[in-house]
PDB file of N, CA and C in Angstrom:
ATOM      1  N   UNK A   1     -60.713  68.349 -57.590  1.00  0.00           N
ATOM      2  CA  UNK A   1     -61.770  68.218 -56.549  1.00  0.00           C
ATOM      3  C   UNK A   1     -62.595  69.322 -56.555  1.00  0.00           C
ATOM      4  N   UNK A   2     -63.354  69.324 -56.668  1.00  0.00           N
ATOM      5  CA  UNK A   2     -64.969  70.833 -57.105  1.00  0.00           C
ATOM      6  C   UNK A   2     -65.203  70.999 -54.972  1.00  0.00           C
ATOM      7  N   UNK A   3     -65.397  72.149 -55.290  1.00  0.00           N
ATOM      8  CA  UNK A   3     -65.909  72.611 -54.226  1.00  0.00           C
ATOM      9  C   UNK A   3     -67.231  72.301 -54.108  1.00  0.00           C
ATOM     10  N   UNK A   4     -68.379  72.236 -55.140  1.00  0.00           N
ATOM     11  CA  UNK A   4     -69.361  72.091 -54.946  1.00  0.00           C
ATOM     12  C   UNK A   4     -70.103  70.634 -54.006  1.00  0.00           C
ATOM     13  N   UNK A   5     -71.363  71.543 -52.798  1.00  0.00           N
ATOM     14  CA  UNK A   5     -71.836  70.369 -52.606  1.00  0.00           C
ATOM     15  C   UNK A   5     -73.046  70.054 -52.892  1.00  0.00           C
ATOM     16  N   UNK A   6     -73.023  70.389 -54.577  1.00  0.00           N
ATOM     17  CA  UNK A   6     -74.384  69.429 -55.097  1.00  0.00           C
ATOM     18  C   UNK A   6     -73.996  68.319 -55.957  1.00  0.00           C
ATOM     19  N   UNK A   7     -75.040  67.210 -55.735  1.00  0.00           N
ATOM     20  CA  UNK A   7     -74.242  65.692 -56.137  1.00  0.00           C
ATOM     21  C   UNK A   7     -74.276  66.215 -57.811  1.00  0.00           C
ATOM     22  N   UNK A   8     -73.407  65.412 -58.419  1.00  0.00           N
ATOM     23  CA  UNK A   8     -72.770  65.442 -59.611  1.00  0.00           C
ATOM     24  C   UNK A   8     -74.147  64.528 -60.210  1.00  0.00           C
ATOM     25  N   UNK A   9     -75.090  65.051 -61.714  1.00  0.00           N
ATOM     26  CA  UNK A   9     -75.882  64.948 -62.396  1.00  0.00           C
ATOM     27  C   UNK A   9     -76.614  65.672 -62.333  1.00  0.00           C
ATOM     28  N   UNK A  10     -76.549  66.792 -61.048  1.00  0.00           N
ATOM     29  CA  UNK A  10     -78.150  67.183 -60.575  1.00  0.00           C
ATOM     30  C   UNK A  10     -78.063  68.813 -60.968  1.00  0.00           C
ATOM     31  N   UNK A  11     -79.102  69.060 -61.488  1.00  0.00           N
ATOM     32  CA  UNK A  11     -78.962  70.595 -62.379  1.00  0.00           C
ATOM     33  C   UNK A  11     -79.608  71.646 -61.157  1.00  0.00           C
ATOM     34  N   UNK A  12     -79.023  72.651 -60.835  1.00  0.00           N
ATOM     35  CA  UNK A  12     -79.802  73.885 -60.158  1.00  0.00           C
ATOM     36  C   UNK A  12     -80.776  74.901 -60.962  1.00  0.00           C
ATOM     37  N   UNK A  13     -81.951  74.842 -60.888  1.00  0.00           N
ATOM     38  CA  UNK A  13     -82.497  75.534 -61.737  1.00  0.00           C
ATOM     39  C   UNK A  13     -83.502  76.645 -61.278  1.00  0.00           C
ATOM     40  N   UNK A  14     -82.779  77.777 -61.498  1.00  0.00           N
ATOM     41  CA  UNK A  14     -83.311  78.999 -60.944  1.00  0.00           C
ATOM     42  C   UNK A  14     -84.975  79.663 -61.386  1.00  0.00           C
ATOM     43  N   UNK A  15     -85.819  80.262 -61.135  1.00  0.00           N
ATOM     44  CA  UNK A  15     -87.087  80.546 -61.391  1.00  0.00           C
ATOM     45  C   UNK A  15     -87.293  81.795 -60.878  1.00  0.00           C
ATOM     46  N   UNK A  16     -87.223  83.252 -62.000  1.00  0.00           N
ATOM     47  CA  UNK A  16     -86.726  84.256 -60.931  1.00  0.00           C
ATOM     48  C   UNK A  16     -88.639  84.878 -61.395  1.00  0.00           C
ATOM     49  N   UNK A  17     -89.221  85.122 -60.444  1.00  0.00           N
ATOM     50  CA  UNK A  17     -90.377  85.796 -60.287  1.00  0.00           C
ATOM     51  C   UNK A  17     -91.327  86.197 -61.139  1.00  0.00           C
ATOM     52  N   UNK A  18     -90.178  86.795 -62.048  1.00  0.00           N
ATOM     53  CA  UNK A  18     -91.424  87.550 -63.522  1.00  0.00           C
ATOM     54  C   UNK A  18     -91.881  86.363 -64.350  1.00  0.00           C
ATOM     55  N   UNK A  19     -90.796  84.807 -64.250  1.00  0.00           N
ATOM     56  CA  UNK A  19     -90.725  84.432 -65.131  1.00  0.00           C
ATOM     57  C   UNK A  19     -92.312  83.510 -64.194  1.00  0.00           C
ATOM     58  N   UNK A  20     -91.593  83.138 -63.125  1.00  0.00           N
ATOM     59  CA  UNK A  20     -92.541  82.784 -62.167  1.00  0.00           C
ATOM     60  C   UNK A  20     -94.267  82.697 -62.158  1.00  0.00           C
ATOM     61  N   UNK A  21     -95.044  83.900 -62.490  1.00  0.00           N
ATOM     62  CA  UNK A  21     -96.052  84.274 -62.641  1.00  0.00           C
ATOM     63  C   UNK A  21     -96.422  83.526 -64.138  1.00  0.00           C
ATOM     64  N   UNK A  22     -96.118  83.141 -64.888  1.00  0.00           N
ATOM     65  CA  UNK A  22     -95.930  82.414 -66.197  1.00  0.00           C
ATOM     66  C   UNK A  22     -96.820  83.760 -67.170  1.00  0.00           C
ATOM     67  N   UNK A  23     -97.369  82.913 -68.087  1.00  0.00           N
ATOM     68  CA  UNK A  23     -97.882  83.804 -69.484  1.00  0.00           C
ATOM     69  C   UNK A  23     -99.479  82.944 -70.387  1.00  0.00           C
ATOM     70  N   UNK A  24    -100.489  83.163 -69.548  1.00  0.00           N
ATOM     71  CA  UNK A  24    -101.620  82.513 -70.130  1.00  0.00           C
ATOM     72  C   UNK A  24    -101.883  82.347 -71.409  1.00  0.00           C
ATOM     73  N   UNK A  25    -102.160  81.209 -72.138  1.00  0.00           N
ATOM     74  CA  UNK A  25    -102.278  81.009 -73.198  1.00  0.00           C
ATOM     75  C   UNK A  25    -103.711  79.713 -73.450  1.00  0.00           C
ATOM     76  N   UNK A  26    -104.152  80.284 -74.104  1.00  0.00           N
ATOM     77  CA  UNK A  26    -105.809  79.247 -74.534  1.00  0.00           C
ATOM     78  C   UNK A  26    -105.516  78.861 -76.397  1.00  0.00           C
ATOM     79  N   UNK A  27    -104.450  78.487 -76.602  1.00  0.00           N
ATOM     80  CA  UNK A  27    -104.179  78.262 -77.970  1.00  0.00           C
ATOM     81  C   UNK A  27    -102.862  77.929 -77.713  1.00  0.00           C
ATOM     82  N   UNK A  28    -102.508  76.852 -78.686  1.00  0.00           N
ATOM     83  CA  UNK A  28    -100.802  76.329 -79.112  1.00  0.00           C
ATOM     84  C   UNK A  28    -100.631  76.221 -80.514  1.00  0.00           C
ATOM     85  N   UNK A  29     -99.607  76.914 -81.310  1.00  0.00           N
ATOM     86  CA  UNK A  29     -99.693  76.638 -82.759  1.00  0.00           C
ATOM     87  C   UNK A  29     -98.413  76.014 -82.732  1.00  0.00           C
ATOM     88  N   UNK A  30     -98.747  74.686 -83.479  1.00  0.00           N
ATOM     89  CA  UNK A  30     -97.734  73.536 -83.756  1.00  0.00           C
ATOM     90  C   UNK A  30     -97.085  73.447 -84.888  1.00  0.00           C
ATOM     91  N   UNK A  31     -95.215  74.085 -85.376  1.00  0.00           N
ATOM     92  CA  UNK A  31     -94.881  73.572 -86.494  1.00  0.00           C
ATOM     93  C   UNK A  31     -93.976  73.152 -85.956  1.00  0.00           C
ATOM     94  N   UNK A  32     -93.049  72.024 -86.844  1.00  0.00           N
ATOM     95  CA  UNK A  32     -91.801  71.277 -86.950  1.00  0.00           C
ATOM     96  C   UNK A  32     -91.307  71.081 -88.615  1.00  0.00           C
ATOM     97  N   UNK A  33     -90.034  71.015 -88.275  1.00  0.00           N
ATOM     98  CA  UNK A  33     -89.149  70.514 -89.343  1.00  0.00           C
ATOM     99  C   UNK A  33     -88.573  69.212 -89.357  1.00  0.00           C
ATOM    100  N   UNK A  34     -87.356  68.642 -90.015  1.00  0.00           N
ATOM    101  CA  UNK A  34     -86.653  67.540 -89.933  1.00  0.00           C
ATOM    102  C   UNK A  34     -85.977  68.135 -88.715  1.00  0.00           C
ATOM    103  N   UNK A  35     -85.796  69.174 -88.188  1.00  0.00           N
ATOM    104  CA  UNK A  35     -84.766  69.029 -87.099  1.00  0.00           C
ATOM    105  C   UNK A  35     -84.804  69.766 -86.304  1.00  0.00           C
ATOM    106  N   UNK A  36     -86.510  70.579 -86.108  1.00  0.00           N
ATOM    107  CA  UNK A  36     -87.045  70.881 -84.481  1.00  0.00           C
ATOM    108  C   UNK A  36     -88.335  71.523 -84.680  1.00  0.00           C
ATOM    109  N   UNK A  37     -89.267  71.242 -83.771  1.00  0.00           N
ATOM    110  CA  UNK A  37     -90.596  71.682 -83.305  1.00  0.00           C
ATOM    111  C   UNK A  37     -90.677  72.939 -82.328  1.00  0.00           C
ATOM    112  N   UNK A  38     -91.606  73.301 -83.089  1.00  0.00           N
ATOM    113  CA  UNK A  38     -91.398  74.817 -82.215  1.00  0.00           C
ATOM    114  C   UNK A  38     -93.037  75.316 -81.988  1.00  0.00           C
ATOM    115  N   UNK A  39     -93.580  75.596 -80.821  1.00  0.00           N
ATOM    116  CA  UNK A  39     -94.599  75.869 -79.929  1.00  0.00           C
ATOM    117  C   UNK A  39     -94.533  77.424 -79.986  1.00  0.00           C
ATOM    118  N   UNK A  40     -95.556  77.988 -80.349  1.00  0.00           N
ATOM    119  CA  UNK A  40     -96.619  79.196 -80.026  1.00  0.00           C
ATOM    120  C   UNK A  40     -97.545  79.180 -79.642  1.00  0.00           C
ATOM    121  N   UNK A  41     -97.869  79.444 -78.049  1.00  0.00           N
ATOM    122  CA  UNK A  41     -98.572  79.912 -77.120  1.00  0.00           C
ATOM    123  C   UNK A  41     -99.667  81.466 -77.510  1.00  0.00           C
ATOM    124  N   UNK A  42    -100.743  81.221 -77.556  1.00  0.00           N
ATOM    125  CA  UNK A  42    -101.333  82.605 -77.541  1.00  0.00           C
ATOM    126  C   UNK A  42    -102.436  82.657 -76.621  1.00  0.00           C
ATOM    127  N   UNK A  43    -102.731  84.071 -76.462  1.00  0.00           N
ATOM    128  CA  UNK A  43    -103.685  84.281 -75.425  1.00  0.00           C
ATOM    129  C   UNK A  43    -104.694  84.926 -77.124  1.00  0.00           C
ATOM    130  N   UNK A  44    -106.030  84.065 -76.907  1.00  0.00           N
ATOM    131  CA  UNK A  44    -107.360  84.979 -77.912  1.00  0.00           C
ATOM    132  C   UNK A  44    -108.358  85.039 -76.953  1.00  0.00           C
ATOM    133  N   UNK A  45    -108.455  86.456 -77.014  1.00  0.00           N
ATOM    134  CA  UNK A  45    -109.950  87.243 -76.519  1.00  0.00           C
ATOM    135  C   UNK A  45    -111.238  86.947 -77.240  1.00  0.00           C
ATOM    136  N   UNK A  46    -112.253  86.752 -76.865  1.00  0.00           N
ATOM    137  CA  UNK A  46    -113.082  87.057 -77.413  1.00  0.00           C
ATOM    138  C   UNK A  46    -113.466  88.240 -77.921  1.00  0.00           C
ATOM    139  N   UNK A  47    -114.160  87.804 -79.414  1.00  0.00           N
ATOM    140  CA  UNK A  47    -114.126  89.751 -79.976  1.00  0.00           C
ATOM    141  C   UNK A  47    -113.211  90.395 -80.282  1.00  0.00           C
ATOM    142  N   UNK A  48    -112.109  89.759 -80.289  1.00  0.00           N
ATOM    143  CA  UNK A  48    -110.972  90.878 -80.836  1.00  0.00           C
ATOM    144  C   UNK A  48    -110.297  89.812 -82.226  1.00  0.00           C
ATOM    145  N   UNK A  49    -110.477  90.670 -82.801  1.00  0.00           N
ATOM    146  CA  UNK A  49    -109.850  89.612 -84.312  1.00  0.00           C
ATOM    147  C   UNK A  49    -108.373  89.246 -84.483  1.00  0.00           C
ATOM    148  N   UNK A  50    -107.386  90.339 -83.879  1.00  0.00           N
ATOM    149  CA  UNK A  50    -106.125  89.984 -83.577  1.00  0.00           C
ATOM    150  C   UNK A  50    -105.842  89.070 -82.166  1.00  0.00           C
ATOM    151  N   UNK A  51    -104.803  88.947 -82.576  1.00  0.00           N
ATOM    152  CA  UNK A  51    -103.560  87.929 -81.166  1.00  0.00           C
ATOM    153  C   UNK A  51    -102.388  87.940 -81.521  1.00  0.00           C
ATOM    154  N   UNK A  52    -101.383  88.284 -80.481  1.00  0.00           N
ATOM    155  CA  UNK A  52    -100.188  88.186 -80.547  1.00  0.00           C
ATOM    156  C   UNK A  52     -99.178  86.163 -79.734  1.00  0.00           C
ATOM    157  N   UNK A  53     -98.420  86.544 -80.443  1.00  0.00           N
ATOM    158  CA  UNK A  53     -97.647  85.457 -79.896  1.00  0.00           C
ATOM    159  C   UNK A  53     -97.186  85.707 -79.318  1.00  0.00           C
ATOM    160  N   UNK A  54     -97.532  84.569 -77.649  1.00  0.00           N
ATOM    161  CA  UNK A  54     -96.933  85.132 -76.211  1.00  0.00           C
ATOM    162  C   UNK A  54     -95.867  84.784 -75.974  1.00  0.00           C
ATOM    163  N   UNK A  55     -95.459  83.423 -75.874  1.00  0.00           N
ATOM    164  CA  UNK A  55     -94.675  82.240 -75.794  1.00  0.00           C
ATOM    165  C   UNK A  55     -94.416  81.953 -77.262  1.00  0.00           C
ATOM    166  N   UNK A  56     -92.693  81.511 -77.393  1.00  0.00           N
ATOM    167  CA  UNK A  56     -92.403  80.370 -78.320  1.00  0.00           C
ATOM    168  C   UNK A  56     -91.295  79.431 -77.807  1.00  0.00           C
ATOM    169  N   UNK A  57     -91.212  78.397 -78.053  1.00  0.00           N
ATOM    170  CA  UNK A  57     -90.242  77.005 -77.968  1.00  0.00           C
ATOM    171  C   UNK A  57     -90.047  76.674 -78.173  1.00  0.00           C
ATOM    172  N   UNK A  58     -88.646  76.457 -78.840  1.00  0.00           N
ATOM    173  CA  UNK A  58     -88.647  76.127 -79.810  1.00  0.00           C
ATOM    174  C   UNK A  58     -88.131  74.566 -79.832  1.00  0.00           C
ATOM    175  N   UNK A  59     -87.987  73.163 -79.818  1.00  0.00           N
ATOM    176  CA  UNK A  59     -87.565  72.210 -78.851  1.00  0.00           C
ATOM    177  C   UNK A  59     -86.752  71.229 -80.054  1.00  0.00           C
ATOM    178  N   UNK A  60     -86.027  70.271 -79.675  1.00  0.00           N
ATOM    179  CA  UNK A  60     -85.544  69.371 -80.716  1.00  0.00           C
ATOM    180  C   UNK A  60     -86.698  67.988 -81.171  1.00  0.00           C
ATOM    181  N   UNK A  61     -86.751  67.265 -81.709  1.00  0.00           N
ATOM    182  CA  UNK A  61     -87.310  66.272 -82.095  1.00  0.00           C
ATOM    183  C   UNK A  61     -87.867  65.508 -80.853  1.00  0.00           C
ATOM    184  N   UNK A  62     -86.373  64.792 -80.370  1.00  0.00           N
ATOM    185  CA  UNK A  62     -86.422  64.451 -79.175  1.00  0.00           C
ATOM    186  C   UNK A  62     -86.855  64.756 -77.892  1.00  0.00           C
ATOM    187  N   UNK A  63     -86.649  66.083 -77.573  1.00  0.00           N
ATOM    188  CA  UNK A  63     -87.080  66.663 -76.594  1.00  0.00           C
ATOM    189  C   UNK A  63     -88.966  66.952 -76.603  1.00  0.00           C
ATOM    190  N   UNK A  64     -89.366  67.207 -78.036  1.00  0.00           N
ATOM    191  CA  UNK A  64     -90.811  67.165 -78.338  1.00  0.00           C
ATOM    192  C   UNK A  64     -91.289  66.070 -78.088  1.00  0.00           C
ATOM    193  N   UNK A  65     -91.310  64.893 -77.786  1.00  0.00           N
ATOM    194  CA  UNK A  65     -91.113  63.729 -77.911  1.00  0.00           C
ATOM    195  C   UNK A  65     -91.639  63.013 -76.498  1.00  0.00           C
ATOM    196  N   UNK A  66     -90.459  64.117 -75.121  1.00  0.00           N
ATOM    197  CA  UNK A  66     -89.959  63.526 -74.207  1.00  0.00           C
ATOM    198  C   UNK A  66     -91.288  64.676 -73.461  1.00  0.00           C
ATOM    199  N   UNK A  67     -91.295  65.610 -74.549  1.00  0.00           N
ATOM    200  CA  UNK A  67     -92.647  66.810 -73.586  1.00  0.00           C
ATOM    201  C   UNK A  67     -93.912  65.812 -73.555  1.00  0.00           C
ATOM    202  N   UNK A  68     -94.410  65.232 -74.753  1.00  0.00           N
ATOM    203  CA  UNK A  68     -95.171  64.767 -74.821  1.00  0.00           C
ATOM    204  C   UNK A  68     -95.309  62.942 -73.825  1.00  0.00           C
ATOM    205  N   UNK A  69     -94.835  62.698 -73.655  1.00  0.00           N
ATOM    206  CA  UNK A  69     -94.592  61.630 -72.910  1.00  0.00           C
ATOM    207  C   UNK A  69     -94.928  62.413 -71.462  1.00  0.00           C
ATOM    208  N   UNK A  70     -94.452  63.066 -71.037  1.00  0.00           N
ATOM    209  CA  UNK A  70     -94.165  63.894 -69.994  1.00  0.00           C
ATOM    210  C   UNK A  70     -96.305  64.507 -69.008  1.00  0.00           C
ATOM    211  N   UNK A  71     -96.748  65.397 -70.872  1.00  0.00           N
ATOM    212  CA  UNK A  71     -97.915  65.657 -70.285  1.00  0.00           C
ATOM    213  C   UNK A  71     -98.803  64.847 -69.767  1.00  0.00           C
ATOM    214  N   UNK A  72     -98.658  63.729 -70.927  1.00  0.00           N
ATOM    215  CA  UNK A  72     -99.306  62.692 -70.998  1.00  0.00           C
ATOM    216  C   UNK A  72     -99.214  62.431 -69.468  1.00  0.00           C
ATOM    217  N   UNK A  73     -98.062  62.032 -68.998  1.00  0.00           N
ATOM    218  CA  UNK A  73     -98.471  60.953 -67.393  1.00  0.00           C
ATOM    219  C   UNK A  73     -98.707  62.025 -66.622  1.00  0.00           C
ATOM    220  N   UNK A  74     -98.583  63.587 -67.122  1.00  0.00           N
ATOM    221  CA  UNK A  74     -99.045  64.220 -65.369  1.00  0.00           C
ATOM    222  C   UNK A  74    -100.457  64.108 -66.443  1.00  0.00           C
ATOM    223  N   UNK A  75    -101.355  64.249 -66.853  1.00  0.00           N
ATOM    224  CA  UNK A  75    -102.892  64.540 -67.163  1.00  0.00           C
ATOM    225  C   UNK A  75    -103.225  63.146 -66.301  1.00  0.00           C
ATOM    226  N   UNK A  76    -102.397  62.369 -66.855  1.00  0.00           N
ATOM    227  CA  UNK A  76    -102.657  60.348 -65.946  1.00  0.00           C
ATOM    228  C   UNK A  76    -102.836  60.467 -64.720  1.00  0.00           C
ATOM    229  N   UNK A  77    -101.605  61.514 -63.920  1.00  0.00           N
ATOM    230  CA  UNK A  77    -101.651  62.037 -62.759  1.00  0.00           C
ATOM    231  C   UNK A  77    -102.440  62.409 -61.804  1.00  0.00           C
ATOM    232  N   UNK A  78    -102.936  63.416 -63.044  1.00  0.00           N
ATOM    233  CA  UNK A  78    -104.237  64.489 -62.735  1.00  0.00           C
ATOM    234  C   UNK A  78    -105.694  63.832 -62.661  1.00  0.00           C
ATOM    235  N   UNK A  79    -105.911  63.507 -63.468  1.00  0.00           N
ATOM    236  CA  UNK A  79    -107.311  62.696 -64.071  1.00  0.00           C
ATOM    237  C   UNK A  79    -107.692  61.309 -63.048  1.00  0.00           C
ATOM    238  N   UNK A  80    -106.280  60.702 -62.171  1.00  0.00           N
ATOM    239  CA  UNK A  80    -106.327  59.462 -61.276  1.00  0.00           C
ATOM    240  C   UNK A  80    -107.034  60.128 -59.750  1.00  0.00           C
ATOM    241  N   UNK A  81    -106.006  61.785 -59.969  1.00  0.00           N
ATOM    242  CA  UNK A  81    -106.485  62.186 -58.237  1.00  0.00           C
ATOM    243  C   UNK A  81    -107.823  63.191 -58.585  1.00  0.00           C
ATOM    244  N   UNK A  82    -108.340  63.752 -60.060  1.00  0.00           N
ATOM    245  CA  UNK A  82    -109.391  64.325 -59.768  1.00  0.00           C
ATOM    246  C   UNK A  82    -110.737  64.600 -60.868  1.00  0.00           C
ATOM    247  N   UNK A  83    -110.482  63.500 -61.452  1.00  0.00           N
ATOM    248  CA  UNK A  83    -111.416  62.652 -62.097  1.00  0.00           C
ATOM    249  C   UNK A  83    -110.941  63.368 -63.904  1.00  0.00           C
ATOM    250  N   UNK A  84    -111.766  62.586 -64.831  1.00  0.00           N
ATOM    251  CA  UNK A  84    -111.885  63.165 -66.423  1.00  0.00           C
ATOM    252  C   UNK A  84    -111.686  63.893 -66.632  1.00  0.00           C
ATOM    253  N   UNK A  85    -111.015  64.914 -67.456  1.00  0.00           N
ATOM    254  CA  UNK A  85    -110.807  65.889 -67.668  1.00  0.00           C
ATOM    255  C   UNK A  85    -111.860  66.332 -69.280  1.00  0.00           C
ATOM    256  N   UNK A  86    -112.808  67.098 -69.842  1.00  0.00           N
ATOM    257  CA  UNK A  86    -113.723  67.515 -70.424  1.00  0.00           C
ATOM    258  C   UNK A  86    -112.946  67.628 -71.575  1.00  0.00           C
ATOM    259  N   UNK A  87    -113.185  67.588 -72.462  1.00  0.00           N
ATOM    260  CA  UNK A  87    -113.076  68.041 -73.915  1.00  0.00           C
ATOM    261  C   UNK A  87    -113.725  68.679 -74.524  1.00  0.00           C
ATOM    262  N   UNK A  88    -113.720  69.559 -74.654  1.00  0.00           N
ATOM    263  CA  UNK A  88    -115.458  70.944 -74.486  1.00  0.00           C
ATOM    264  C   UNK A  88    -115.098  71.034 -75.988  1.00  0.00           C
ATOM    265  N   UNK A  89    -116.498  71.154 -76.813  1.00  0.00           N
ATOM    266  CA  UNK A  89    -116.318  71.683 -78.104  1.00  0.00           C
ATOM    267  C   UNK A  89    -116.413  73.098 -78.368  1.00  0.00           C
ATOM    268  N   UNK A  90    -115.058  73.692 -79.301  1.00  0.00           N
ATOM    269  CA  UNK A  90    -114.760  74.978 -79.552  1.00  0.00           C
ATOM    270  C   UNK A  90    -115.021  75.086 -80.732  1.00  0.00           C
ATOM    271  N   UNK A  91    -116.079  76.452 -81.623  1.00  0.00           N
ATOM    272  CA  UNK A  91    -115.686  76.284 -82.810  1.00  0.00           C
ATOM    273  C   UNK A  91    -114.514  76.843 -83.473  1.00  0.00           C
ATOM    274  N   UNK A  92    -113.714  76.397 -84.592  1.00  0.00           N
ATOM    275  CA  UNK A  92    -112.774  76.551 -85.060  1.00  0.00           C
ATOM    276  C   UNK A  92    -112.646  77.723 -85.183  1.00  0.00           C
ATOM    277  N   UNK A  93    -111.002  78.599 -84.449  1.00  0.00           N
ATOM    278  CA  UNK A  93    -110.727  79.989 -84.995  1.00  0.00           C
ATOM    279  C   UNK A  93    -109.934  79.646 -86.142  1.00  0.00           C
ATOM    280  N   UNK A  94    -110.024  81.131 -87.002  1.00  0.00           N
ATOM    281  CA  UNK A  94    -109.689  80.884 -88.339  1.00  0.00           C
ATOM    282  C   UNK A  94    -108.294  81.432 -88.167  1.00  0.00           C
ATOM    283  N   UNK A  95    -107.332  80.806 -88.638  1.00  0.00           N
ATOM    284  CA  UNK A  95    -105.694  81.107 -88.053  1.00  0.00           C
ATOM    285  C   UNK A  95    -105.222  81.899 -89.605  1.00  0.00           C
ATOM    286  N   UNK A  96    -104.962  83.141 -89.412  1.00  0.00           N
ATOM    287  CA  UNK A  96    -103.635  83.338 -90.657  1.00  0.00           C
ATOM    288  C   UNK A  96    -102.258  82.941 -90.729  1.00  0.00           C
ATOM    289  N   UNK A  97    -102.228  81.535 -90.149  1.00  0.00           N
ATOM    290  CA  UNK A  97    -101.213  81.871 -89.559  1.00  0.00           C
ATOM    291  C   UNK A  97     -99.595  80.997 -90.332  1.00  0.00           C
ATOM    292  N   UNK A  98    -100.193  80.188 -91.424  1.00  0.00           N
ATOM    293  CA  UNK A  98     -99.666  78.960 -92.388  1.00  0.00           C
ATOM    294  C   UNK A  98    -100.470  78.366 -91.925  1.00  0.00           C
ATOM    295  N   UNK A  99     -99.608  76.453 -92.677  1.00  0.00           N
ATOM    296  CA  UNK A  99    -100.232  75.812 -92.356  1.00  0.00           C
ATOM    297  C   UNK A  99     -99.726  75.381 -90.297  1.00  0.00           C
ATOM    298  N   UNK A 100    -100.337  74.383 -90.267  1.00  0.00           N
ATOM    299  CA  UNK A 100     -99.963  74.598 -88.562  1.00  0.00           C
ATOM    300  C   UNK A 100    -101.265  73.638 -87.916  1.00  0.00           C
ATOM    301  N   UNK A 101    -100.425  73.276 -87.158  1.00  0.00           N
ATOM    302  CA  UNK A 101    -101.734  71.889 -86.194  1.00  0.00           C
ATOM    303  C   UNK A 101    -102.124  72.592 -85.008  1.00  0.00           C
ATOM    304  N   UNK A 102    -103.099  72.147 -84.101  1.00  0.00           N
ATOM    305  CA  UNK A 102    -103.265  73.191 -83.208  1.00  0.00           C
ATOM    306  C   UNK A 102    -103.634  71.935 -82.285  1.00  0.00           C
ATOM    307  N   UNK A 103    -103.544  72.371 -80.421  1.00  0.00           N
ATOM    308  CA  UNK A 103    -103.833  71.835 -79.249  1.00  0.00           C
ATOM    309  C   UNK A 103    -104.416  72.639 -78.678  1.00  0.00           C
TER     310      UNK A 103
END
C-alpha cells in the first residue's frame, strides 16, 4: 500500500524559478530523422549576423504530433478569445545550419 496522497496516474511536475523565466525565441529550426524530431530555438537580433541555439528539444515522432495538436488547439482557443493572429511577412533569414524547416 502506498503512503502517497497523489491520485494514481497523476504526475507531480515541478518548475524551478530559472526554468519559469523561460527563454525568448523568434526562430525555430526543425529537423527530423526516422526516430526523432529536433526543435532548436534561436533568438535572432537585428544587425547581428550570428545567433546561438538557446534551447533544443528532442521528441519522438508521436510526441511531436501530440505537440502539433496541442499547439493547434491552444491557437484556436487564443484566437477565439482575442481574434485572429496575423502572420506578418518577414524577409528570409539566411541560415548556414544545414537542411531544415523553419517555423
